[in-house]
Amino acid sequence: MADDDTERRRADDMTLEQLREEIADIDRELVELMAQRTYVAETIARVKEEEGLPTTDERQEALVMERARENAERFELHPEVVTDVFELLVELNKSEQRERR
């Protein structure tokens, strides 16, 4: 938590423009991470196709949602909001997998 406190103090000392630049940087990082996740999901789709596995794996999806909830709680975010975001990401990946088949 000390790192979080340091980040908060640092953010408290920033101007509005600096804070907006920080948000823009974080947004870019989020999109980059989404692109990385999509790339890995596409690789998983190829493996599933090669192995004749179905696109949907409910057990794996449940694990992803549980992990999302745990991480939300760890970072003091609303678990419902975080799982909503992950549901969108999973649906996006499944949709892309279906289109490829």
PDB file of N, CA and C in Angstrom:
ATOM      1  N   MET A   1       0.803  -1.205   0.000  1.00  0.00           N
ATOM      2  CA  MET A   1       0.000   0.000   0.000  1.00  0.00           C
ATOM      3  C   MET A   1       0.847   1.271   0.000  1.00  0.00           C
ATOM      4  N   ALA A   2       2.086   1.180   0.443  1.00  0.00           N
ATOM      5  CA  ALA A   2       2.940   2.357   0.460  1.00  0.00           C
ATOM      6  C   ALA A   2       3.107   2.920  -0.944  1.00  0.00           C
ATOM      7  N   ASP A   3       3.251   2.048  -1.944  1.00  0.00           N
ATOM      8  CA  ASP A   3       3.368   2.515  -3.321  1.00  0.00           C
ATOM      9  C   ASP A   3       2.112   3.252  -3.755  1.00  0.00           C
ATOM     10  N   ASP A   4       0.947   2.745  -3.356  1.00  0.00           N
ATOM     11  CA  ASP A   4      -0.311   3.419  -3.686  1.00  0.00           C
ATOM     12  C   ASP A   4      -0.350   4.807  -3.058  1.00  0.00           C
ATOM     13  N   ASP A   5       0.083   4.909  -1.806  1.00  0.00           N
ATOM     14  CA  ASP A   5       0.093   6.197  -1.119  1.00  0.00           C
ATOM     15  C   ASP A   5       1.041   7.167  -1.811  1.00  0.00           C
ATOM     16  N   THR A   6       2.197   6.681  -2.242  1.00  0.00           N
ATOM     17  CA  THR A   6       3.160   7.517  -2.952  1.00  0.00           C
ATOM     18  C   THR A   6       2.559   8.011  -4.255  1.00  0.00           C
ATOM     19  N   GLU A   7       1.895   7.098  -4.990  1.00  0.00           N
ATOM     20  CA  GLU A   7       1.252   7.491  -6.251  1.00  0.00           C
ATOM     21  C   GLU A   7       0.172   8.536  -6.003  1.00  0.00           C
ATOM     22  N   ARG A   8      -0.606   8.345  -4.944  1.00  0.00           N
ATOM     23  CA  ARG A   8      -1.670   9.314  -4.648  1.00  0.00           C
ATOM     24  C   ARG A   8      -1.090  10.676  -4.309  1.00  0.00           C
ATOM     25  N   ARG A   9      -0.037  10.683  -3.492  1.00  0.00           N
ATOM     26  CA  ARG A   9       0.582  11.967  -3.149  1.00  0.00           C
ATOM     27  C   ARG A   9       1.139  12.634  -4.408  1.00  0.00           C
ATOM     28  N   ARG A  10       1.777  11.838  -5.268  1.00  0.00           N
ATOM     29  CA  ARG A  10       2.330  12.381  -6.503  1.00  0.00           C
ATOM     30  C   ARG A  10       1.204  12.968  -7.352  1.00  0.00           C
ATOM     31  N   ALA A  11       0.088  12.253  -7.477  1.00  0.00           N
ATOM     32  CA  ALA A  11      -1.042  12.742  -8.262  1.00  0.00           C
ATOM     33  C   ALA A  11      -1.631  14.005  -7.646  1.00  0.00           C
ATOM     34  N   ASP A  12      -1.658  14.079  -6.325  1.00  0.00           N
ATOM     35  CA  ASP A  12      -2.198  15.266  -5.653  1.00  0.00           C
ATOM     36  C   ASP A  12      -1.379  16.517  -5.955  1.00  0.00           C
ATOM     37  N   ASP A  13      -0.101  16.347  -6.295  1.00  0.00           N
ATOM     38  CA  ASP A  13       0.772  17.479  -6.568  1.00  0.00           C
ATOM     39  C   ASP A  13       0.770  17.888  -8.039  1.00  0.00           C
ATOM     40  N   MET A  14      -0.005  17.210  -8.871  1.00  0.00           N
ATOM     41  CA  MET A  14       0.006  17.470 -10.308  1.00  0.00           C
ATOM     42  C   MET A  14      -1.055  18.494 -10.682  1.00  0.00           C
ATOM     43  N   THR A  15      -0.784  19.217 -11.767  1.00  0.00           N
ATOM     44  CA  THR A  15      -1.774  20.157 -12.297  1.00  0.00           C
ATOM     45  C   THR A  15      -2.857  19.364 -13.029  1.00  0.00           C
ATOM     46  N   LEU A  16      -3.944  20.054 -13.340  1.00  0.00           N
ATOM     47  CA  LEU A  16      -5.037  19.418 -14.080  1.00  0.00           C
ATOM     48  C   LEU A  16      -4.532  18.876 -15.418  1.00  0.00           C
ATOM     49  N   GLU A  17      -3.739  19.656 -16.117  1.00  0.00           N
ATOM     50  CA  GLU A  17      -3.200  19.214 -17.414  1.00  0.00           C
ATOM     51  C   GLU A  17      -2.303  17.995 -17.245  1.00  0.00           C
ATOM     52  N   GLN A  18      -1.480  17.975 -16.227  1.00  0.00           N
ATOM     53  CA  GLN A  18      -0.613  16.821 -15.969  1.00  0.00           C
ATOM     54  C   GLN A  18      -1.441  15.579 -15.634  1.00  0.00           C
ATOM     55  N   LEU A  19      -2.489  15.782 -14.866  1.00  0.00           N
ATOM     56  CA  LEU A  19      -3.374  14.662 -14.521  1.00  0.00           C
ATOM     57  C   LEU A  19      -4.046  14.111 -15.771  1.00  0.00           C
ATOM     58  N   ARG A  20      -4.477  15.011 -16.655  1.00  0.00           N
ATOM     59  CA  ARG A  20      -5.099  14.565 -17.900  1.00  0.00           C
ATOM     60  C   ARG A  20      -4.097  13.814 -18.778  1.00  0.00           C
ATOM     61  N   GLU A  21      -2.852  14.263 -18.799  1.00  0.00           N
ATOM     62  CA  GLU A  21      -1.809  13.553 -19.542  1.00  0.00           C
ATOM     63  C   GLU A  21      -1.580  12.165 -18.940  1.00  0.00           C
ATOM     64  N   GLU A  22      -1.617  12.097 -17.631  1.00  0.00           N
ATOM     65  CA  GLU A  22      -1.461  10.803 -16.937  1.00  0.00           C
ATOM     66  C   GLU A  22      -2.594   9.851 -17.331  1.00  0.00           C
ATOM     67  N   ILE A  23      -3.820  10.368 -17.351  1.00  0.00           N
ATOM     68  CA  ILE A  23      -4.972   9.552 -17.776  1.00  0.00           C
ATOM     69  C   ILE A  23      -4.784   9.095 -19.222  1.00  0.00           C
ATOM     70  N   ALA A  24      -4.330   9.997 -20.097  1.00  0.00           N
ATOM     71  CA  ALA A  24      -4.106   9.633 -21.499  1.00  0.00           C
ATOM     72  C   ALA A  24      -3.066   8.518 -21.612  1.00  0.00           C
ATOM     73  N   ASP A  25      -2.007   8.595 -20.822  1.00  0.00           N
ATOM     74  CA  ASP A  25      -0.978   7.544 -20.818  1.00  0.00           C
ATOM     75  C   ASP A  25      -1.561   6.217 -20.348  1.00  0.00           C
ATOM     76  N   ILE A  26      -2.353   6.262 -19.295  1.00  0.00           N
ATOM     77  CA  ILE A  26      -2.983   5.044 -18.767  1.00  0.00           C
ATOM     78  C   ILE A  26      -3.936   4.458 -19.802  1.00  0.00           C
ATOM     79  N   ASP A  27      -4.702   5.323 -20.471  1.00  0.00           N
ATOM     80  CA  ASP A  27      -5.625   4.852 -21.508  1.00  0.00           C
ATOM     81  C   ASP A  27      -4.872   4.132 -22.628  1.00  0.00           C
ATOM     82  N   ARG A  28      -3.734   4.691 -23.051  1.00  0.00           N
ATOM     83  CA  ARG A  28      -2.919   4.039 -24.080  1.00  0.00           C
ATOM     84  C   ARG A  28      -2.441   2.675 -23.595  1.00  0.00           C
ATOM     85  N   GLU A  29      -2.015   2.610 -22.339  1.00  0.00           N
ATOM     86  CA  GLU A  29      -1.551   1.348 -21.772  1.00  0.00           C
ATOM     87  C   GLU A  29      -2.686   0.323 -21.720  1.00  0.00           C
ATOM     88  N   LEU A  30      -3.884   0.778 -21.360  1.00  0.00           N
ATOM     89  CA  LEU A  30      -5.033  -0.125 -21.327  1.00  0.00           C
ATOM     90  C   LEU A  30      -5.318  -0.702 -22.710  1.00  0.00           C
ATOM     91  N   VAL A  31      -5.284   0.153 -23.728  1.00  0.00           N
ATOM     92  CA  VAL A  31      -5.538  -0.313 -25.092  1.00  0.00           C
ATOM     93  C   VAL A  31      -4.436  -1.273 -25.529  1.00  0.00           C
ATOM     94  N   GLU A  32      -3.203  -0.968 -25.172  1.00  0.00           N
ATOM     95  CA  GLU A  32      -2.098  -1.877 -25.503  1.00  0.00           C
ATOM     96  C   GLU A  32      -2.304  -3.244 -24.841  1.00  0.00           C
ATOM     97  N   LEU A  33      -2.699  -3.248 -23.590  1.00  0.00           N
ATOM     98  CA  LEU A  33      -2.957  -4.506 -22.888  1.00  0.00           C
ATOM     99  C   LEU A  33      -4.129  -5.259 -23.517  1.00  0.00           C
ATOM    100  N   MET A  34      -5.154  -4.525 -23.948  1.00  0.00           N
ATOM    101  CA  MET A  34      -6.282  -5.174 -24.621  1.00  0.00           C
ATOM    102  C   MET A  34      -5.817  -5.814 -25.929  1.00  0.00           C
ATOM    103  N   ALA A  35      -4.934  -5.120 -26.647  1.00  0.00           N
ATOM    104  CA  ALA A  35      -4.407  -5.674 -27.895  1.00  0.00           C
ATOM    105  C   ALA A  35      -3.581  -6.927 -27.619  1.00  0.00           C
ATOM    106  N   GLN A  36      -2.777  -6.902 -26.573  1.00  0.00           N
ATOM    107  CA  GLN A  36      -1.993  -8.081 -26.201  1.00  0.00           C
ATOM    108  C   GLN A  36      -2.907  -9.242 -25.835  1.00  0.00           C
ATOM    109  N   ARG A  37      -3.951  -8.950 -25.081  1.00  0.00           N
ATOM    110  CA  ARG A  37      -4.899  -9.984 -24.668  1.00  0.00           C
ATOM    111  C   ARG A  37      -5.582 -10.585 -25.894  1.00  0.00           C
ATOM    112  N   THR A  38      -5.960  -9.714 -26.841  1.00  0.00           N
ATOM    113  CA  THR A  38      -6.615 -10.173 -28.057  1.00  0.00           C
ATOM    114  C   THR A  38      -5.684 -11.066 -28.867  1.00  0.00           C
ATOM    115  N   TYR A  39      -4.417 -10.697 -28.953  1.00  0.00           N
ATOM    116  CA  TYR A  39      -3.443 -11.516 -29.681  1.00  0.00           C
ATOM    117  C   TYR A  39      -3.347 -12.913 -29.061  1.00  0.00           C
ATOM    118  N   VAL A  40      -3.247 -12.974 -27.748  1.00  0.00           N
ATOM    119  CA  VAL A  40      -3.163 -14.272 -27.071  1.00  0.00           C
ATOM    120  C   VAL A  40      -4.458 -15.056 -27.273  1.00  0.00           C
ATOM    121  N   ALA A  41      -5.591 -14.371 -27.206  1.00  0.00           N
ATOM    122  CA  ALA A  41      -6.878 -15.039 -27.425  1.00  0.00           C
ATOM    123  C   ALA A  41      -6.972 -15.592 -28.844  1.00  0.00           C
ATOM    124  N   GLU A  42      -6.438 -14.862 -29.818  1.00  0.00           N
ATOM    125  CA  GLU A  42      -6.428 -15.366 -31.191  1.00  0.00           C
ATOM    126  C   GLU A  42      -5.562 -16.612 -31.310  1.00  0.00           C
ATOM    127  N   THR A  43      -4.466 -16.633 -30.594  1.00  0.00           N
ATOM    128  CA  THR A  43      -3.594 -17.814 -30.583  1.00  0.00           C
ATOM    129  C   THR A  43      -4.316 -18.985 -29.947  1.00  0.00           C
ATOM    130  N   ILE A  44      -5.033 -18.731 -28.877  1.00  0.00           N
ATOM    131  CA  ILE A  44      -5.829 -19.778 -28.225  1.00  0.00           C
ATOM    132  C   ILE A  44      -6.875 -20.304 -29.207  1.00  0.00           C
ATOM    133  N   ALA A  45      -7.489 -19.395 -29.965  1.00  0.00           N
ATOM    134  CA  ALA A  45      -8.508 -19.808 -30.943  1.00  0.00           C
ATOM    135  C   ALA A  45      -7.907 -20.760 -31.974  1.00  0.00           C
ATOM    136  N   ARG A  46      -6.696 -20.466 -32.440  1.00  0.00           N
ATOM    137  CA  ARG A  46      -6.042 -21.356 -33.414  1.00  0.00           C
ATOM    138  C   ARG A  46      -5.781 -22.736 -32.805  1.00  0.00           C
ATOM    139  N   VAL A  47      -5.330 -22.750 -31.564  1.00  0.00           N
ATOM    140  CA  VAL A  47      -5.070 -24.024 -30.887  1.00  0.00           C
ATOM    141  C   VAL A  47      -6.373 -24.801 -30.731  1.00  0.00           C
ATOM    142  N   LYS A  48      -7.435 -24.110 -30.306  1.00  0.00           N
ATOM    143  CA  LYS A  48      -8.727 -24.773 -30.157  1.00  0.00           C
ATOM    144  C   LYS A  48      -9.191 -25.366 -31.478  1.00  0.00           C
ATOM    145  N   GLU A  49      -9.024 -24.596 -32.558  1.00  0.00           N
ATOM    146  CA  GLU A  49      -9.449 -25.072 -33.867  1.00  0.00           C
ATOM    147  C   GLU A  49      -8.633 -26.299 -34.284  1.00  0.00           C
ATOM    148  N   GLU A  50      -7.319 -26.242 -34.086  1.00  0.00           N
ATOM    149  CA  GLU A  50      -6.443 -27.365 -34.437  1.00  0.00           C
ATOM    150  C   GLU A  50      -6.797 -28.626 -33.650  1.00  0.00           C
ATOM    151  N   GLU A  51      -7.200 -28.426 -32.397  1.00  0.00           N
ATOM    152  CA  GLU A  51      -7.508 -29.560 -31.536  1.00  0.00           C
ATOM    153  C   GLU A  51      -8.989 -29.935 -31.567  1.00  0.00           C
ATOM    154  N   GLY A  52      -9.775 -29.235 -32.385  1.00  0.00           N
ATOM    155  CA  GLY A  52     -11.192 -29.532 -32.494  1.00  0.00           C
ATOM    156  C   GLY A  52     -11.991 -29.218 -31.233  1.00  0.00           C
ATOM    157  N   LEU A  53     -11.533 -28.214 -30.486  1.00  0.00           N
ATOM    158  CA  LEU A  53     -12.213 -27.839 -29.241  1.00  0.00           C
ATOM    159  C   LEU A  53     -13.243 -26.749 -29.521  1.00  0.00           C
ATOM    160  N   PRO A  54     -14.296 -26.685 -28.711  1.00  0.00           N
ATOM    161  CA  PRO A  54     -15.317 -25.648 -28.913  1.00  0.00           C
ATOM    162  C   PRO A  54     -14.778 -24.254 -28.584  1.00  0.00           C
ATOM    163  N   THR A  55     -15.398 -23.264 -29.181  1.00  0.00           N
ATOM    164  CA  THR A  55     -15.008 -21.874 -28.927  1.00  0.00           C
ATOM    165  C   THR A  55     -15.236 -21.511 -27.466  1.00  0.00           C
ATOM    166  N   THR A  56     -16.370 -21.903 -26.923  1.00  0.00           N
ATOM    167  CA  THR A  56     -16.736 -21.537 -25.557  1.00  0.00           C
ATOM    168  C   THR A  56     -16.264 -22.582 -24.562  1.00  0.00           C
ATOM    169  N   ASP A  57     -15.626 -22.101 -23.495  1.00  0.00           N
ATOM    170  CA  ASP A  57     -15.188 -22.954 -22.391  1.00  0.00           C
ATOM    171  C   ASP A  57     -15.703 -22.294 -21.110  1.00  0.00           C
ATOM    172  N   GLU A  58     -16.887 -22.726 -20.676  1.00  0.00           N
ATOM    173  CA  GLU A  58     -17.549 -22.081 -19.540  1.00  0.00           C
ATOM    174  C   GLU A  58     -16.711 -22.145 -18.265  1.00  0.00           C
ATOM    175  N   ARG A  59     -16.007 -23.236 -18.061  1.00  0.00           N
ATOM    176  CA  ARG A  59     -15.152 -23.370 -16.866  1.00  0.00           C
ATOM    177  C   ARG A  59     -14.057 -22.307 -16.882  1.00  0.00           C
ATOM    178  N   GLN A  60     -13.426 -22.135 -18.036  1.00  0.00           N
ATOM    179  CA  GLN A  60     -12.367 -21.127 -18.152  1.00  0.00           C
ATOM    180  C   GLN A  60     -12.933 -19.721 -17.984  1.00  0.00           C
ATOM    181  N   GLU A  61     -14.089 -19.472 -18.553  1.00  0.00           N
ATOM    182  CA  GLU A  61     -14.717 -18.154 -18.409  1.00  0.00           C
ATOM    183  C   GLU A  61     -15.020 -17.857 -16.940  1.00  0.00           C
ATOM    184  N   ALA A  62     -15.476 -18.851 -16.218  1.00  0.00           N
ATOM    185  CA  ALA A  62     -15.754 -18.669 -14.786  1.00  0.00           C
ATOM    186  C   ALA A  62     -14.468 -18.332 -14.034  1.00  0.00           C
ATOM    187  N   LEU A  63     -13.373 -18.983 -14.402  1.00  0.00           N
ATOM    188  CA  LEU A  63     -12.077 -18.692 -13.767  1.00  0.00           C
ATOM    189  C   LEU A  63     -11.637 -17.257 -14.065  1.00  0.00           C
ATOM    190  N   VAL A  64     -11.848 -16.814 -15.300  1.00  0.00           N
ATOM    191  CA  VAL A  64     -11.493 -15.440 -15.680  1.00  0.00           C
ATOM    192  C   VAL A  64     -12.295 -14.448 -14.845  1.00  0.00           C
ATOM    193  N   MET A  65     -13.591 -14.701 -14.681  1.00  0.00           N
ATOM    194  CA  MET A  65     -14.448 -13.781 -13.914  1.00  0.00           C
ATOM    195  C   MET A  65     -14.068 -13.777 -12.436  1.00  0.00           C
ATOM    196  N   GLU A  66     -13.752 -14.932 -11.909  1.00  0.00           N
ATOM    197  CA  GLU A  66     -13.340 -15.010 -10.503  1.00  0.00           C
ATOM    198  C   GLU A  66     -12.039 -14.232 -10.302  1.00  0.00           C
ATOM    199  N   ARG A  67     -11.102 -14.410 -11.213  1.00  0.00           N
ATOM    200  CA  ARG A  67      -9.832 -13.685 -11.140  1.00  0.00           C
ATOM    201  C   ARG A  67     -10.082 -12.181 -11.244  1.00  0.00           C
ATOM    202  N   ALA A  68     -10.985 -11.777 -12.106  1.00  0.00           N
ATOM    203  CA  ALA A  68     -11.319 -10.353 -12.249  1.00  0.00           C
ATOM    204  C   ALA A  68     -11.889  -9.802 -10.944  1.00  0.00           C
ATOM    205  N   ARG A  69     -12.802 -10.563 -10.326  1.00  0.00           N
ATOM    206  CA  ARG A  69     -13.381 -10.133  -9.041  1.00  0.00           C
ATOM    207  C   ARG A  69     -12.305  -9.998  -7.971  1.00  0.00           C
ATOM    208  N   GLU A  70     -11.424 -10.991  -7.887  1.00  0.00           N
ATOM    209  CA  GLU A  70     -10.352 -10.952  -6.884  1.00  0.00           C
ATOM    210  C   GLU A  70      -9.444  -9.749  -7.094  1.00  0.00           C
ATOM    211  N   ASN A  71      -9.086  -9.489  -8.346  1.00  0.00           N
ATOM    212  CA  ASN A  71      -8.228  -8.337  -8.633  1.00  0.00           C
ATOM    213  C   ASN A  71      -8.951  -7.027  -8.351  1.00  0.00           C
ATOM    214  N   ALA A  72     -10.230  -6.958  -8.632  1.00  0.00           N
ATOM    215  CA  ALA A  72     -11.006  -5.750  -8.329  1.00  0.00           C
ATOM    216  C   ALA A  72     -10.970  -5.473  -6.835  1.00  0.00           C
ATOM    217  N   GLU A  73     -11.201  -6.498  -6.049  1.00  0.00           N
ATOM    218  CA  GLU A  73     -11.179  -6.326  -4.596  1.00  0.00           C
ATOM    219  C   GLU A  73      -9.787  -5.931  -4.115  1.00  0.00           C
ATOM    220  N   ARG A  74      -8.777  -6.544  -4.696  1.00  0.00           N
ATOM    221  CA  ARG A  74      -7.393  -6.236  -4.313  1.00  0.00           C
ATOM    222  C   ARG A  74      -7.072  -4.758  -4.542  1.00  0.00           C
ATOM    223  N   PHE A  75      -7.588  -4.199  -5.637  1.00  0.00           N
ATOM    224  CA  PHE A  75      -7.310  -2.811  -5.974  1.00  0.00           C
ATOM    225  C   PHE A  75      -8.456  -1.865  -5.594  1.00  0.00           C
ATOM    226  N   GLU A  76      -9.372  -2.375  -4.768  1.00  0.00           N
ATOM    227  CA  GLU A  76     -10.472  -1.586  -4.218  1.00  0.00           C
ATOM    228  C   GLU A  76     -11.339  -0.948  -5.305  1.00  0.00           C
ATOM    229  N   LEU A  77     -11.676  -1.765  -6.311  1.00  0.00           N
ATOM    230  CA  LEU A  77     -12.589  -1.354  -7.366  1.00  0.00           C
ATOM    231  C   LEU A  77     -13.900  -2.122  -7.211  1.00  0.00           C
ATOM    232  N   HIS A  78     -14.940  -1.661  -7.862  1.00  0.00           N
ATOM    233  CA  HIS A  78     -16.221  -2.351  -7.803  1.00  0.00           C
ATOM    234  C   HIS A  78     -16.126  -3.646  -8.618  1.00  0.00           C
ATOM    235  N   PRO A  79     -16.260  -4.805  -7.971  1.00  0.00           N
ATOM    236  CA  PRO A  79     -16.150  -6.075  -8.690  1.00  0.00           C
ATOM    237  C   PRO A  79     -17.129  -6.199  -9.851  1.00  0.00           C
ATOM    238  N   GLU A  80     -18.346  -5.657  -9.698  1.00  0.00           N
ATOM    239  CA  GLU A  80     -19.340  -5.773 -10.761  1.00  0.00           C
ATOM    240  C   GLU A  80     -18.900  -5.020 -12.013  1.00  0.00           C
ATOM    241  N   VAL A  81     -18.313  -3.858 -11.819  1.00  0.00           N
ATOM    242  CA  VAL A  81     -17.853  -3.065 -12.955  1.00  0.00           C
ATOM    243  C   VAL A  81     -16.705  -3.781 -13.661  1.00  0.00           C
ATOM    244  N   VAL A  82     -15.768  -4.290 -12.884  1.00  0.00           N
ATOM    245  CA  VAL A  82     -14.609  -4.976 -13.459  1.00  0.00           C
ATOM    246  C   VAL A  82     -15.060  -6.235 -14.194  1.00  0.00           C
ATOM    247  N   THR A  83     -15.966  -7.007 -13.606  1.00  0.00           N
ATOM    248  CA  THR A  83     -16.425  -8.217 -14.298  1.00  0.00           C
ATOM    249  C   THR A  83     -17.222  -7.854 -15.552  1.00  0.00           C
ATOM    250  N   ASP A  84     -17.936  -6.723 -15.535  1.00  0.00           N
ATOM    251  CA  ASP A  84     -18.623  -6.275 -16.753  1.00  0.00           C
ATOM    252  C   ASP A  84     -17.622  -6.026 -17.880  1.00  0.00           C
ATOM    253  N   VAL A  85     -16.518  -5.379 -17.555  1.00  0.00           N
ATOM    254  CA  VAL A  85     -15.483  -5.114 -18.552  1.00  0.00           C
ATOM    255  C   VAL A  85     -14.920  -6.437 -19.084  1.00  0.00           C
ATOM    256  N   PHE A  86     -14.652  -7.365 -18.186  1.00  0.00           N
ATOM    257  CA  PHE A  86     -14.094  -8.643 -18.620  1.00  0.00           C
ATOM    258  C   PHE A  86     -15.101  -9.457 -19.425  1.00  0.00           C
ATOM    259  N   GLU A  87     -16.375  -9.337 -19.095  1.00  0.00           N
ATOM    260  CA  GLU A  87     -17.386 -10.015 -19.911  1.00  0.00           C
ATOM    261  C   GLU A  87     -17.366  -9.478 -21.338  1.00  0.00           C
ATOM    262  N   LEU A  88     -17.199  -8.172 -21.482  1.00  0.00           N
ATOM    263  CA  LEU A  88     -17.091  -7.579 -22.819  1.00  0.00           C
ATOM    264  C   LEU A  88     -15.854  -8.087 -23.561  1.00  0.00           C
ATOM    265  N   LEU A  89     -14.735  -8.155 -22.858  1.00  0.00           N
ATOM    266  CA  LEU A  89     -13.505  -8.644 -23.479  1.00  0.00           C
ATOM    267  C   LEU A  89     -13.648 -10.099 -23.922  1.00  0.00           C
ATOM    268  N   VAL A  90     -14.230 -10.925 -23.069  1.00  0.00           N
ATOM    269  CA  VAL A  90     -14.417 -12.342 -23.399  1.00  0.00           C
ATOM    270  C   VAL A  90     -15.364 -12.476 -24.586  1.00  0.00           C
ATOM    271  N   GLU A  91     -16.452 -11.728 -24.587  1.00  0.00           N
ATOM    272  CA  GLU A  91     -17.405 -11.793 -25.697  1.00  0.00           C
ATOM    273  C   GLU A  91     -16.763 -11.339 -27.002  1.00  0.00           C
ATOM    274  N   LEU A  92     -15.947 -10.293 -26.939  1.00  0.00           N
ATOM    275  CA  LEU A  92     -15.230  -9.825 -28.120  1.00  0.00           C
ATOM    276  C   LEU A  92     -14.344 -10.950 -28.671  1.00  0.00           C
ATOM    277  N   ASN A  93     -13.591 -11.595 -27.798  1.00  0.00           N
ATOM    278  CA  ASN A  93     -12.705 -12.677 -28.229  1.00  0.00           C
ATOM    279  C   ASN A  93     -13.478 -13.863 -28.780  1.00  0.00           C
ATOM    280  N   LYS A  94     -14.582 -14.219 -28.150  1.00  0.00           N
ATOM    281  CA  LYS A  94     -15.391 -15.343 -28.638  1.00  0.00           C
ATOM    282  C   LYS A  94     -15.996 -15.013 -30.002  1.00  0.00           C
ATOM    283  N   SER A  95     -16.448 -13.780 -30.156  1.00  0.00           N
ATOM    284  CA  SER A  95     -17.025 -13.363 -31.430  1.00  0.00           C
ATOM    285  C   SER A  95     -15.988 -13.458 -32.537  1.00  0.00           C
ATOM    286  N   GLU A  96     -14.785 -13.004 -32.261  1.00  0.00           N
ATOM    287  CA  GLU A  96     -13.709 -13.074 -33.244  1.00  0.00           C
ATOM    288  C   GLU A  96     -13.354 -14.532 -33.552  1.00  0.00           C
ATOM    289  N   GLN A  97     -13.379 -15.386 -32.531  1.00  0.00           N
ATOM    290  CA  GLN A  97     -13.098 -16.809 -32.741  1.00  0.00           C
ATOM    291  C   GLN A  97     -14.145 -17.430 -33.644  1.00  0.00           C
ATOM    292  N   ARG A  98     -15.418 -17.088 -33.404  1.00  0.00           N
ATOM    293  CA  ARG A  98     -16.502 -17.645 -34.228  1.00  0.00           C
ATOM    294  C   ARG A  98     -16.372 -17.199 -35.679  1.00  0.00           C
ATOM    295  N   GLU A  99     -15.999 -15.947 -35.882  1.00  0.00           N
ATOM    296  CA  GLU A  99     -15.838 -15.424 -37.240  1.00  0.00           C
ATOM    297  C   GLU A  99     -14.727 -16.129 -37.996  1.00  0.00           C
ATOM    298  N   ARG A 100     -13.688 -16.554 -37.310  1.00  0.00           N
ATOM    299  CA  ARG A 100     -12.556 -17.217 -37.938  1.00  0.00           C
ATOM    300  C   ARG A 100     -12.898 -18.639 -38.370  1.00  0.00           C
ATOM    301  N   ARG A 101     -13.887 -19.254 -37.734  1.00  0.00           N
ATOM    302  CA  ARG A 101     -14.187 -20.672 -38.015  1.00  0.00           C
ATOM    303  C   ARG A 101     -15.051 -20.821 -39.211  1.00  0.00           C
TER     304      ARG A 101
END
